[in-house]
Amino acid sequence: MSKASPEAPEKLRQNLLEDSQPDLNYLALTVSACPIGTFGLLSNSAAAIVGAMIIAPLILPLRELALGALEGNVLLFRQSLISVAAGTGIAIALSGLVGRGGFWAAYSRSPAS
């Protein structure tokens, strides 16, 4: 087995710091996963919910948040926390709009007479 170079941990930290910032790809994937997950919940479709979880990029900032907390890296922790908060806020707001918007009417059952 080869050993990691002394620069490898620092390069990894730098890459994680860059990845912890919310960018256009992160926001686009979050926005696209929300309606899929919401429709999956409203239609009771496990496949749609799993599909939304695969699309959603929220695991990356959570990983960086944990590493920032573990190492005491305040900058990494703060940027990751902002990303998680932004993604969660967008997800809640968009899912609420989809759920309230009446888009789920096709999936709802008609009341029994």
PDB file of N, CA and C in Angstrom:
ATOM      1  N   MET A   1       0.835  -1.187   0.000  1.00  0.00           N
ATOM      2  CA  MET A   1       0.000   0.000   0.000  1.00  0.00           C
ATOM      3  C   MET A   1       0.877   1.247   0.000  1.00  0.00           C
ATOM      4  N   SER A   2       0.452   2.212  -0.778  1.00  0.00           N
ATOM      5  CA  SER A   2       1.189   3.469  -0.798  1.00  0.00           C
ATOM      6  C   SER A   2       0.634   4.391   0.277  1.00  0.00           C
ATOM      7  N   LYS A   3       1.492   5.207   0.800  1.00  0.00           N
ATOM      8  CA  LYS A   3       1.097   6.157   1.840  1.00  0.00           C
ATOM      9  C   LYS A   3       0.709   7.478   1.211  1.00  0.00           C
ATOM     10  N   ALA A   4      -0.169   8.171   1.880  1.00  0.00           N
ATOM     11  CA  ALA A   4      -0.590   9.489   1.407  1.00  0.00           C
ATOM     12  C   ALA A   4       0.519  10.494   1.651  1.00  0.00           C
ATOM     13  N   SER A   5       0.641  11.428   0.741  1.00  0.00           N
ATOM     14  CA  SER A   5       1.656  12.466   0.898  1.00  0.00           C
ATOM     15  C   SER A   5       1.225  13.427   2.006  1.00  0.00           C
ATOM     16  N   PRO A   6       2.176  14.157   2.561  1.00  0.00           N
ATOM     17  CA  PRO A   6       1.815  15.117   3.619  1.00  0.00           C
ATOM     18  C   PRO A   6       0.875  16.223   3.127  1.00  0.00           C
ATOM     19  N   GLU A   7       0.875  16.485   1.822  1.00  0.00           N
ATOM     20  CA  GLU A   7       0.013  17.533   1.280  1.00  0.00           C
ATOM     21  C   GLU A   7      -1.417  17.050   1.045  1.00  0.00           C
ATOM     22  N   ALA A   8      -1.643  15.749   1.038  1.00  0.00           N
ATOM     23  CA  ALA A   8      -2.964  15.198   0.711  1.00  0.00           C
ATOM     24  C   ALA A   8      -4.064  15.659   1.665  1.00  0.00           C
ATOM     25  N   PRO A   9      -3.869  15.623   2.992  1.00  0.00           N
ATOM     26  CA  PRO A   9      -4.949  16.102   3.873  1.00  0.00           C
ATOM     27  C   PRO A   9      -5.299  17.574   3.666  1.00  0.00           C
ATOM     28  N   GLU A  10      -4.285  18.390   3.411  1.00  0.00           N
ATOM     29  CA  GLU A  10      -4.553  19.818   3.191  1.00  0.00           C
ATOM     30  C   GLU A  10      -5.287  20.039   1.873  1.00  0.00           C
ATOM     31  N   LYS A  11      -4.925  19.266   0.856  1.00  0.00           N
ATOM     32  CA  LYS A  11      -5.622  19.360  -0.431  1.00  0.00           C
ATOM     33  C   LYS A  11      -7.073  18.907  -0.283  1.00  0.00           C
ATOM     34  N   LEU A  12      -7.293  17.867   0.499  1.00  0.00           N
ATOM     35  CA  LEU A  12      -8.647  17.393   0.761  1.00  0.00           C
ATOM     36  C   LEU A  12      -9.469  18.458   1.485  1.00  0.00           C
ATOM     37  N   ARG A  13      -8.882  19.086   2.483  1.00  0.00           N
ATOM     38  CA  ARG A  13      -9.591  20.151   3.207  1.00  0.00           C
ATOM     39  C   ARG A  13      -9.946  21.312   2.284  1.00  0.00           C
ATOM     40  N   GLN A  14      -9.019  21.673   1.396  1.00  0.00           N
ATOM     41  CA  GLN A  14      -9.275  22.764   0.457  1.00  0.00           C
ATOM     42  C   GLN A  14     -10.402  22.401  -0.505  1.00  0.00           C
ATOM     43  N   ASN A  15     -10.406  21.168  -0.997  1.00  0.00           N
ATOM     44  CA  ASN A  15     -11.483  20.724  -1.889  1.00  0.00           C
ATOM     45  C   ASN A  15     -12.832  20.714  -1.170  1.00  0.00           C
ATOM     46  N   LEU A  16     -12.851  20.265   0.075  1.00  0.00           N
ATOM     47  CA  LEU A  16     -14.096  20.263   0.843  1.00  0.00           C
ATOM     48  C   LEU A  16     -14.590  21.676   1.108  1.00  0.00           C
ATOM     49  N   LEU A  17     -13.667  22.592   1.344  1.00  0.00           N
ATOM     50  CA  LEU A  17     -14.044  23.981   1.574  1.00  0.00           C
ATOM     51  C   LEU A  17     -14.677  24.579   0.319  1.00  0.00           C
ATOM     52  N   GLU A  18     -14.121  24.250  -0.839  1.00  0.00           N
ATOM     53  CA  GLU A  18     -14.692  24.740  -2.094  1.00  0.00           C
ATOM     54  C   GLU A  18     -16.059  24.107  -2.346  1.00  0.00           C
ATOM     55  N   ASP A  19     -16.208  22.826  -2.045  1.00  0.00           N
ATOM     56  CA  ASP A  19     -17.467  22.121  -2.275  1.00  0.00           C
ATOM     57  C   ASP A  19     -18.561  22.519  -1.287  1.00  0.00           C
ATOM     58  N   SER A  20     -18.199  23.125  -0.172  1.00  0.00           N
ATOM     59  CA  SER A  20     -19.197  23.453   0.850  1.00  0.00           C
ATOM     60  C   SER A  20     -20.004  24.689   0.508  1.00  0.00           C
ATOM     61  N   GLN A  21     -19.619  25.420  -0.516  1.00  0.00           N
ATOM     62  CA  GLN A  21     -20.332  26.633  -0.884  1.00  0.00           C
ATOM     63  C   GLN A  21     -21.503  26.290  -1.801  1.00  0.00           C
ATOM     64  N   PRO A  22     -22.675  26.839  -1.532  1.00  0.00           N
ATOM     65  CA  PRO A  22     -23.824  26.547  -2.408  1.00  0.00           C
ATOM     66  C   PRO A  22     -23.622  27.218  -3.768  1.00  0.00           C
ATOM     67  N   ASP A  23     -23.608  26.408  -4.827  1.00  0.00           N
ATOM     68  CA  ASP A  23     -23.443  26.943  -6.167  1.00  0.00           C
ATOM     69  C   ASP A  23     -24.694  26.657  -6.991  1.00  0.00           C
ATOM     70  N   LEU A  24     -24.646  26.988  -8.264  1.00  0.00           N
ATOM     71  CA  LEU A  24     -25.811  26.830  -9.120  1.00  0.00           C
ATOM     72  C   LEU A  24     -26.220  25.368  -9.262  1.00  0.00           C
ATOM     73  N   ASN A  25     -25.265  24.453  -9.369  1.00  0.00           N
ATOM     74  CA  ASN A  25     -25.588  23.027  -9.480  1.00  0.00           C
ATOM     75  C   ASN A  25     -26.303  22.520  -8.225  1.00  0.00           C
ATOM     76  N   TYR A  26     -25.811  22.924  -7.074  1.00  0.00           N
ATOM     77  CA  TYR A  26     -26.415  22.518  -5.799  1.00  0.00           C
ATOM     78  C   TYR A  26     -27.861  22.993  -5.720  1.00  0.00           C
ATOM     79  N   LEU A  27     -28.079  24.256  -6.066  1.00  0.00           N
ATOM     80  CA  LEU A  27     -29.431  24.813  -5.989  1.00  0.00           C
ATOM     81  C   LEU A  27     -30.354  24.189  -7.034  1.00  0.00           C
ATOM     82  N   ALA A  28     -29.828  23.950  -8.247  1.00  0.00           N
ATOM     83  CA  ALA A  28     -30.658  23.351  -9.298  1.00  0.00           C
ATOM     84  C   ALA A  28     -31.066  21.927  -8.929  1.00  0.00           C
ATOM     85  N   LEU A  29     -30.151  21.153  -8.377  1.00  0.00           N
ATOM     86  CA  LEU A  29     -30.483  19.788  -7.973  1.00  0.00           C
ATOM     87  C   LEU A  29     -31.469  19.769  -6.809  1.00  0.00           C
ATOM     88  N   THR A  30     -31.308  20.708  -5.889  1.00  0.00           N
ATOM     89  CA  THR A  30     -32.241  20.792  -4.765  1.00  0.00           C
ATOM     90  C   THR A  30     -33.642  21.155  -5.254  1.00  0.00           C
ATOM     91  N   VAL A  31     -33.723  22.138  -6.148  1.00  0.00           N
ATOM     92  CA  VAL A  31     -35.019  22.563  -6.684  1.00  0.00           C
ATOM     93  C   VAL A  31     -35.660  21.447  -7.499  1.00  0.00           C
ATOM     94  N   SER A  32     -34.869  20.679  -8.238  1.00  0.00           N
ATOM     95  CA  SER A  32     -35.462  19.609  -9.044  1.00  0.00           C
ATOM     96  C   SER A  32     -35.883  18.408  -8.187  1.00  0.00           C
ATOM     97  N   ALA A  33     -35.220  18.180  -7.078  1.00  0.00           N
ATOM     98  CA  ALA A  33     -35.570  17.044  -6.220  1.00  0.00           C
ATOM     99  C   ALA A  33     -36.835  17.306  -5.405  1.00  0.00           C
ATOM    100  N   CYS A  34     -37.122  18.564  -5.094  1.00  0.00           N
ATOM    101  CA  CYS A  34     -38.271  18.880  -4.233  1.00  0.00           C
ATOM    102  C   CYS A  34     -39.614  18.476  -4.819  1.00  0.00           C
ATOM    103  N   PRO A  35     -39.940  18.864  -6.045  1.00  0.00           N
ATOM    104  CA  PRO A  35     -41.245  18.437  -6.568  1.00  0.00           C
ATOM    105  C   PRO A  35     -41.350  16.920  -6.724  1.00  0.00           C
ATOM    106  N   ILE A  36     -40.258  16.277  -7.086  1.00  0.00           N
ATOM    107  CA  ILE A  36     -40.287  14.819  -7.226  1.00  0.00           C
ATOM    108  C   ILE A  36     -40.601  14.175  -5.877  1.00  0.00           C
ATOM    109  N   GLY A  37     -39.917  14.617  -4.844  1.00  0.00           N
ATOM    110  CA  GLY A  37     -40.173  14.075  -3.511  1.00  0.00           C
ATOM    111  C   GLY A  37     -41.562  14.405  -2.999  1.00  0.00           C
ATOM    112  N   THR A  38     -42.020  15.620  -3.266  1.00  0.00           N
ATOM    113  CA  THR A  38     -43.348  16.021  -2.818  1.00  0.00           C
ATOM    114  C   THR A  38     -44.434  15.214  -3.513  1.00  0.00           C
ATOM    115  N   PHE A  39     -44.317  15.072  -4.833  1.00  0.00           N
ATOM    116  CA  PHE A  39     -45.289  14.257  -5.564  1.00  0.00           C
ATOM    117  C   PHE A  39     -45.221  12.805  -5.109  1.00  0.00           C
ATOM    118  N   GLY A  40     -44.014  12.329  -4.792  1.00  0.00           N
ATOM    119  CA  GLY A  40     -43.879  10.965  -4.280  1.00  0.00           C
ATOM    120  C   GLY A  40     -44.583  10.774  -2.953  1.00  0.00           C
ATOM    121  N   LEU A  41     -44.484  11.767  -2.083  1.00  0.00           N
ATOM    122  CA  LEU A  41     -45.178  11.683  -0.794  1.00  0.00           C
ATOM    123  C   LEU A  41     -46.686  11.771  -0.967  1.00  0.00           C
ATOM    124  N   LEU A  42     -47.118  12.678  -1.815  1.00  0.00           N
ATOM    125  CA  LEU A  42     -48.558  12.859  -2.008  1.00  0.00           C
ATOM    126  C   LEU A  42     -49.206  11.669  -2.712  1.00  0.00           C
ATOM    127  N   SER A  43     -48.445  10.997  -3.565  1.00  0.00           N
ATOM    128  CA  SER A  43     -49.008   9.849  -4.286  1.00  0.00           C
ATOM    129  C   SER A  43     -48.637   8.523  -3.633  1.00  0.00           C
ATOM    130  N   ASN A  44     -47.941   8.575  -2.503  1.00  0.00           N
ATOM    131  CA  ASN A  44     -47.520   7.377  -1.773  1.00  0.00           C
ATOM    132  C   ASN A  44     -46.662   6.463  -2.645  1.00  0.00           C
ATOM    133  N   SER A  45     -45.690   7.067  -3.345  1.00  0.00           N
ATOM    134  CA  SER A  45     -44.821   6.333  -4.250  1.00  0.00           C
ATOM    135  C   SER A  45     -43.406   6.292  -3.675  1.00  0.00           C
ATOM    136  N   ALA A  46     -43.010   5.123  -3.202  1.00  0.00           N
ATOM    137  CA  ALA A  46     -41.669   4.967  -2.637  1.00  0.00           C
ATOM    138  C   ALA A  46     -40.598   5.183  -3.695  1.00  0.00           C
ATOM    139  N   ALA A  47     -40.870   4.777  -4.924  1.00  0.00           N
ATOM    140  CA  ALA A  47     -39.885   4.933  -5.995  1.00  0.00           C
ATOM    141  C   ALA A  47     -39.591   6.410  -6.261  1.00  0.00           C
ATOM    142  N   ALA A  48     -40.612   7.242  -6.252  1.00  0.00           N
ATOM    143  CA  ALA A  48     -40.402   8.671  -6.476  1.00  0.00           C
ATOM    144  C   ALA A  48     -39.643   9.308  -5.313  1.00  0.00           C
ATOM    145  N   ILE A  49     -39.916   8.873  -4.112  1.00  0.00           N
ATOM    146  CA  ILE A  49     -39.214   9.414  -2.946  1.00  0.00           C
ATOM    147  C   ILE A  49     -37.741   9.034  -2.988  1.00  0.00           C
ATOM    148  N   VAL A  50     -37.451   7.780  -3.327  1.00  0.00           N
ATOM    149  CA  VAL A  50     -36.061   7.344  -3.442  1.00  0.00           C
ATOM    150  C   VAL A  50     -35.373   8.088  -4.584  1.00  0.00           C
ATOM    151  N   GLY A  51     -36.082   8.301  -5.676  1.00  0.00           N
ATOM    152  CA  GLY A  51     -35.511   9.064  -6.785  1.00  0.00           C
ATOM    153  C   GLY A  51     -35.155  10.484  -6.377  1.00  0.00           C
ATOM    154  N   ALA A  52     -36.006  11.111  -5.603  1.00  0.00           N
ATOM    155  CA  ALA A  52     -35.719  12.466  -5.118  1.00  0.00           C
ATOM    156  C   ALA A  52     -34.519  12.470  -4.179  1.00  0.00           C
ATOM    157  N   MET A  53     -34.379  11.428  -3.376  1.00  0.00           N
ATOM    158  CA  MET A  53     -33.232  11.344  -2.468  1.00  0.00           C
ATOM    159  C   MET A  53     -31.937  11.160  -3.249  1.00  0.00           C
ATOM    160  N   ILE A  54     -32.006  10.458  -4.367  1.00  0.00           N
ATOM    161  CA  ILE A  54     -30.816  10.273  -5.196  1.00  0.00           C
ATOM    162  C   ILE A  54     -30.414  11.583  -5.860  1.00  0.00           C
ATOM    163  N   ILE A  55     -31.398  12.358  -6.303  1.00  0.00           N
ATOM    164  CA  ILE A  55     -31.117  13.629  -6.966  1.00  0.00           C
ATOM    165  C   ILE A  55     -30.626  14.685  -5.976  1.00  0.00           C
ATOM    166  N   ALA A  56     -31.192  14.708  -4.790  1.00  0.00           N
ATOM    167  CA  ALA A  56     -30.890  15.761  -3.812  1.00  0.00           C
ATOM    168  C   ALA A  56     -29.419  15.713  -3.387  1.00  0.00           C
ATOM    169  N   PRO A  57     -28.746  16.852  -3.410  1.00  0.00           N
ATOM    170  CA  PRO A  57     -27.319  16.894  -3.081  1.00  0.00           C
ATOM    171  C   PRO A  57     -27.024  17.229  -1.624  1.00  0.00           C
ATOM    172  N   LEU A  58     -27.950  16.978  -0.723  1.00  0.00           N
ATOM    173  CA  LEU A  58     -27.784  17.456   0.654  1.00  0.00           C
ATOM    174  C   LEU A  58     -26.750  16.668   1.460  1.00  0.00           C
ATOM    175  N   ILE A  59     -26.342  15.501   1.003  1.00  0.00           N
ATOM    176  CA  ILE A  59     -25.388  14.720   1.789  1.00  0.00           C
ATOM    177  C   ILE A  59     -23.989  15.345   1.761  1.00  0.00           C
ATOM    178  N   LEU A  60     -23.632  16.022   0.676  1.00  0.00           N
ATOM    179  CA  LEU A  60     -22.296  16.613   0.591  1.00  0.00           C
ATOM    180  C   LEU A  60     -22.077  17.694   1.644  1.00  0.00           C
ATOM    181  N   PRO A  61     -22.970  18.686   1.781  1.00  0.00           N
ATOM    182  CA  PRO A  61     -22.735  19.673   2.833  1.00  0.00           C
ATOM    183  C   PRO A  61     -22.831  19.088   4.244  1.00  0.00           C
ATOM    184  N   LEU A  62     -23.637  18.029   4.415  1.00  0.00           N
ATOM    185  CA  LEU A  62     -23.699  17.396   5.741  1.00  0.00           C
ATOM    186  C   LEU A  62     -22.370  16.727   6.089  1.00  0.00           C
ATOM    187  N   ARG A  63     -21.739  16.107   5.100  1.00  0.00           N
ATOM    188  CA  ARG A  63     -20.427  15.492   5.325  1.00  0.00           C
ATOM    189  C   ARG A  63     -19.400  16.560   5.704  1.00  0.00           C
ATOM    190  N   GLU A  64     -19.438  17.675   4.991  1.00  0.00           N
ATOM    191  CA  GLU A  64     -18.493  18.750   5.273  1.00  0.00           C
ATOM    192  C   GLU A  64     -18.784  19.433   6.606  1.00  0.00           C
ATOM    193  N   LEU A  65     -20.054  19.495   6.967  1.00  0.00           N
ATOM    194  CA  LEU A  65     -20.438  20.044   8.268  1.00  0.00           C
ATOM    195  C   LEU A  65     -19.866  19.185   9.395  1.00  0.00           C
ATOM    196  N   ALA A  66     -19.978  17.875   9.234  1.00  0.00           N
ATOM    197  CA  ALA A  66     -19.443  16.974  10.249  1.00  0.00           C
ATOM    198  C   ALA A  66     -17.925  17.085  10.353  1.00  0.00           C
ATOM    199  N   LEU A  67     -17.246  17.168   9.221  1.00  0.00           N
ATOM    200  CA  LEU A  67     -15.786  17.287   9.258  1.00  0.00           C
ATOM    201  C   LEU A  67     -15.368  18.616   9.868  1.00  0.00           C
ATOM    202  N   GLY A  68     -16.078  19.685   9.530  1.00  0.00           N
ATOM    203  CA  GLY A  68     -15.760  20.988  10.114  1.00  0.00           C
ATOM    204  C   GLY A  68     -15.933  20.992  11.620  1.00  0.00           C
ATOM    205  N   ALA A  69     -16.980  20.324  12.104  1.00  0.00           N
ATOM    206  CA  ALA A  69     -17.201  20.236  13.548  1.00  0.00           C
ATOM    207  C   ALA A  69     -16.142  19.363  14.202  1.00  0.00           C
ATOM    208  N   LEU A  70     -15.786  18.271  13.528  1.00  0.00           N
ATOM    209  CA  LEU A  70     -14.802  17.345  14.086  1.00  0.00           C
ATOM    210  C   LEU A  70     -13.423  17.981  14.213  1.00  0.00           C
ATOM    211  N   GLU A  71     -13.031  18.721  13.188  1.00  0.00           N
ATOM    212  CA  GLU A  71     -11.701  19.329  13.196  1.00  0.00           C
ATOM    213  C   GLU A  71     -11.666  20.717  13.827  1.00  0.00           C
ATOM    214  N   GLY A  72     -12.820  21.278  14.113  1.00  0.00           N
ATOM    215  CA  GLY A  72     -12.864  22.629  14.660  1.00  0.00           C
ATOM    216  C   GLY A  72     -12.579  23.683  13.603  1.00  0.00           C
ATOM    217  N   ASN A  73     -12.837  23.366  12.347  1.00  0.00           N
ATOM    218  CA  ASN A  73     -12.635  24.291  11.237  1.00  0.00           C
ATOM    219  C   ASN A  73     -13.888  25.159  11.120  1.00  0.00           C
ATOM    220  N   VAL A  74     -13.821  26.357  11.662  1.00  0.00           N
ATOM    221  CA  VAL A  74     -14.985  27.232  11.749  1.00  0.00           C
ATOM    222  C   VAL A  74     -15.457  27.653  10.369  1.00  0.00           C
ATOM    223  N   LEU A  75     -14.534  27.939   9.455  1.00  0.00           N
ATOM    224  CA  LEU A  75     -14.914  28.378   8.126  1.00  0.00           C
ATOM    225  C   LEU A  75     -15.659  27.274   7.373  1.00  0.00           C
ATOM    226  N   LEU A  76     -15.142  26.055   7.408  1.00  0.00           N
ATOM    227  CA  LEU A  76     -15.798  24.926   6.754  1.00  0.00           C
ATOM    228  C   LEU A  76     -17.157  24.656   7.394  1.00  0.00           C
ATOM    229  N   PHE A  77     -17.220  24.699   8.702  1.00  0.00           N
ATOM    230  CA  PHE A  77     -18.479  24.478   9.419  1.00  0.00           C
ATOM    231  C   PHE A  77     -19.507  25.529   9.040  1.00  0.00           C
ATOM    232  N   ARG A  78     -19.102  26.800   9.015  1.00  0.00           N
ATOM    233  CA  ARG A  78     -20.033  27.891   8.721  1.00  0.00           C
ATOM    234  C   ARG A  78     -20.547  27.808   7.285  1.00  0.00           C
ATOM    235  N   GLN A  79     -19.645  27.571   6.311  1.00  0.00           N
ATOM    236  CA  GLN A  79     -20.084  27.484   4.919  1.00  0.00           C
ATOM    237  C   GLN A  79     -20.996  26.286   4.696  1.00  0.00           C
ATOM    238  N   SER A  80     -20.685  25.173   5.329  1.00  0.00           N
ATOM    239  CA  SER A  80     -21.527  23.990   5.197  1.00  0.00           C
ATOM    240  C   SER A  80     -22.888  24.209   5.845  1.00  0.00           C
ATOM    241  N   LEU A  81     -22.900  24.867   6.976  1.00  0.00           N
ATOM    242  CA  LEU A  81     -24.160  25.167   7.655  1.00  0.00           C
ATOM    243  C   LEU A  81     -25.043  26.079   6.800  1.00  0.00           C
ATOM    244  N   ILE A  82     -24.435  27.042   6.132  1.00  0.00           N
ATOM    245  CA  ILE A  82     -25.182  27.918   5.228  1.00  0.00           C
ATOM    246  C   ILE A  82     -25.764  27.112   4.071  1.00  0.00           C
ATOM    247  N   SER A  83     -24.967  26.193   3.526  1.00  0.00           N
ATOM    248  CA  SER A  83     -25.458  25.355   2.424  1.00  0.00           C
ATOM    249  C   SER A  83     -26.609  24.467   2.863  1.00  0.00           C
ATOM    250  N   VAL A  84     -26.465  23.845   4.023  1.00  0.00           N
ATOM    251  CA  VAL A  84     -27.534  22.977   4.533  1.00  0.00           C
ATOM    252  C   VAL A  84     -28.794  23.800   4.809  1.00  0.00           C
ATOM    253  N   ALA A  85     -28.635  24.957   5.412  1.00  0.00           N
ATOM    254  CA  ALA A  85     -29.790  25.806   5.721  1.00  0.00           C
ATOM    255  C   ALA A  85     -30.463  26.302   4.445  1.00  0.00           C
ATOM    256  N   ALA A  86     -29.674  26.696   3.454  1.00  0.00           N
ATOM    257  CA  ALA A  86     -30.249  27.168   2.191  1.00  0.00           C
ATOM    258  C   ALA A  86     -30.987  26.036   1.482  1.00  0.00           C
ATOM    259  N   GLY A  87     -30.372  24.866   1.410  1.00  0.00           N
ATOM    260  CA  GLY A  87     -31.017  23.730   0.757  1.00  0.00           C
ATOM    261  C   GLY A  87     -32.281  23.297   1.469  1.00  0.00           C
ATOM    262  N   THR A  88     -32.240  23.270   2.782  1.00  0.00           N
ATOM    263  CA  THR A  88     -33.412  22.880   3.559  1.00  0.00           C
ATOM    264  C   THR A  88     -34.528  23.912   3.428  1.00  0.00           C
ATOM    265  N   GLY A  89     -34.169  25.179   3.475  1.00  0.00           N
ATOM    266  CA  GLY A  89     -35.170  26.241   3.322  1.00  0.00           C
ATOM    267  C   GLY A  89     -35.837  26.203   1.958  1.00  0.00           C
ATOM    268  N   ILE A  90     -35.030  26.019   0.920  1.00  0.00           N
ATOM    269  CA  ILE A  90     -35.585  25.921  -0.429  1.00  0.00           C
ATOM    270  C   ILE A  90     -36.501  24.712  -0.526  1.00  0.00           C
ATOM    271  N   ALA A  91     -36.070  23.590   0.023  1.00  0.00           N
ATOM    272  CA  ALA A  91     -36.864  22.353  -0.051  1.00  0.00           C
ATOM    273  C   ALA A  91     -38.204  22.512   0.666  1.00  0.00           C
ATOM    274  N   ILE A  92     -38.195  23.089   1.839  1.00  0.00           N
ATOM    275  CA  ILE A  92     -39.437  23.266   2.594  1.00  0.00           C
ATOM    276  C   ILE A  92     -40.377  24.234   1.879  1.00  0.00           C
ATOM    277  N   ALA A  93     -39.826  25.355   1.402  1.00  0.00           N
ATOM    278  CA  ALA A  93     -40.663  26.348   0.729  1.00  0.00           C
ATOM    279  C   ALA A  93     -41.255  25.796  -0.563  1.00  0.00           C
ATOM    280  N   LEU A  94     -40.435  25.155  -1.367  1.00  0.00           N
ATOM    281  CA  LEU A  94     -40.918  24.640  -2.643  1.00  0.00           C
ATOM    282  C   LEU A  94     -41.904  23.491  -2.447  1.00  0.00           C
ATOM    283  N   SER A  95     -41.636  22.628  -1.505  1.00  0.00           N
ATOM    284  CA  SER A  95     -42.562  21.525  -1.237  1.00  0.00           C
ATOM    285  C   SER A  95     -43.886  22.050  -0.700  1.00  0.00           C
ATOM    286  N   GLY A  96     -43.834  23.081   0.117  1.00  0.00           N
ATOM    287  CA  GLY A  96     -45.074  23.696   0.602  1.00  0.00           C
ATOM    288  C   GLY A  96     -45.878  24.311  -0.519  1.00  0.00           C
ATOM    289  N   LEU A  97     -45.187  24.964  -1.461  1.00  0.00           N
ATOM    290  CA  LEU A  97     -45.891  25.547  -2.602  1.00  0.00           C
ATOM    291  C   LEU A  97     -46.513  24.467  -3.479  1.00  0.00           C
ATOM    292  N   VAL A  98     -45.791  23.408  -3.720  1.00  0.00           N
ATOM    293  CA  VAL A  98     -46.317  22.318  -4.539  1.00  0.00           C
ATOM    294  C   VAL A  98     -47.503  21.664  -3.840  1.00  0.00           C
ATOM    295  N   GLY A  99     -47.378  21.413  -2.545  1.00  0.00           N
ATOM    296  CA  GLY A  99     -48.457  20.784  -1.796  1.00  0.00           C
ATOM    297  C   GLY A  99     -49.697  21.648  -1.696  1.00  0.00           C
ATOM    298  N   ARG A 100     -49.522  22.950  -1.552  1.00  0.00           N
ATOM    299  CA  ARG A 100     -50.652  23.871  -1.431  1.00  0.00           C
ATOM    300  C   ARG A 100     -51.218  24.276  -2.787  1.00  0.00           C
ATOM    301  N   GLY A 101     -50.430  24.090  -3.830  1.00  0.00           N
ATOM    302  CA  GLY A 101     -50.814  24.573  -5.140  1.00  0.00           C
ATOM    303  C   GLY A 101     -51.897  23.779  -5.837  1.00  0.00           C
ATOM    304  N   GLY A 102     -52.317  22.687  -5.273  1.00  0.00           N
ATOM    305  CA  GLY A 102     -53.361  21.899  -5.893  1.00  0.00           C
ATOM    306  C   GLY A 102     -52.856  20.981  -6.978  1.00  0.00           C
ATOM    307  N   PHE A 103     -51.523  20.892  -7.127  1.00  0.00           N
ATOM    308  CA  PHE A 103     -50.957  20.023  -8.143  1.00  0.00           C
ATOM    309  C   PHE A 103     -51.189  18.555  -7.817  1.00  0.00           C
ATOM    310  N   TRP A 104     -51.526  18.276  -6.586  1.00  0.00           N
ATOM    311  CA  TRP A 104     -51.692  16.894  -6.148  1.00  0.00           C
ATOM    312  C   TRP A 104     -53.107  16.392  -6.348  1.00  0.00           C
ATOM    313  N   ALA A 105     -53.979  17.214  -6.888  1.00  0.00           N
ATOM    314  CA  ALA A 105     -55.395  16.832  -7.010  1.00  0.00           C
ATOM    315  C   ALA A 105     -55.574  15.568  -7.843  1.00  0.00           C
ATOM    316  N   ALA A 106     -54.726  15.363  -8.821  1.00  0.00           N
ATOM    317  CA  ALA A 106     -54.859  14.178  -9.665  1.00  0.00           C
ATOM    318  C   ALA A 106     -54.562  12.903  -8.887  1.00  0.00           C
ATOM    319  N   TYR A 107     -53.816  13.026  -7.806  1.00  0.00           N
ATOM    320  CA  TYR A 107     -53.437  11.861  -7.033  1.00  0.00           C
ATOM    321  C   TYR A 107     -54.378  11.573  -5.872  1.00  0.00           C
ATOM    322  N   SER A 108     -55.186  12.550  -5.517  1.00  0.00           N
ATOM    323  CA  SER A 108     -56.037  12.370  -4.346  1.00  0.00           C
ATOM    324  C   SER A 108     -57.256  11.528  -4.705  1.00  0.00           C
ATOM    325  N   ARG A 109     -57.725  10.802  -3.734  1.00  0.00           N
ATOM    326  CA  ARG A 109     -58.913   9.971  -3.923  1.00  0.00           C
ATOM    327  C   ARG A 109     -60.152  10.828  -3.781  1.00  0.00           C
ATOM    328  N   SER A 110     -61.170  10.448  -4.515  1.00  0.00           N
ATOM    329  CA  SER A 110     -62.434  11.153  -4.347  1.00  0.00           C
ATOM    330  C   SER A 110     -63.096  10.621  -3.077  1.00  0.00           C
ATOM    331  N   PRO A 111     -63.749  11.488  -2.314  1.00  0.00           N
ATOM    332  CA  PRO A 111     -64.370  11.039  -1.065  1.00  0.00           C
ATOM    333  C   PRO A 111     -65.480  10.036  -1.339  1.00  0.00           C
ATOM    334  N   ALA A 112     -65.604   9.093  -0.462  1.00  0.00           N
ATOM    335  CA  ALA A 112     -66.649   8.068  -0.596  1.00  0.00           C
ATOM    336  C   ALA A 112     -68.021   8.703  -0.363  1.00  0.00           C
ATOM    337  N   SER A 113     -68.955   8.353  -1.196  1.00  0.00           N
ATOM    338  CA  SER A 113     -70.287   8.951  -1.069  1.00  0.00           C
ATOM    339  C   SER A 113     -71.114   8.194  -0.070  1.00  0.00           C
TER     340      SER A 113
END
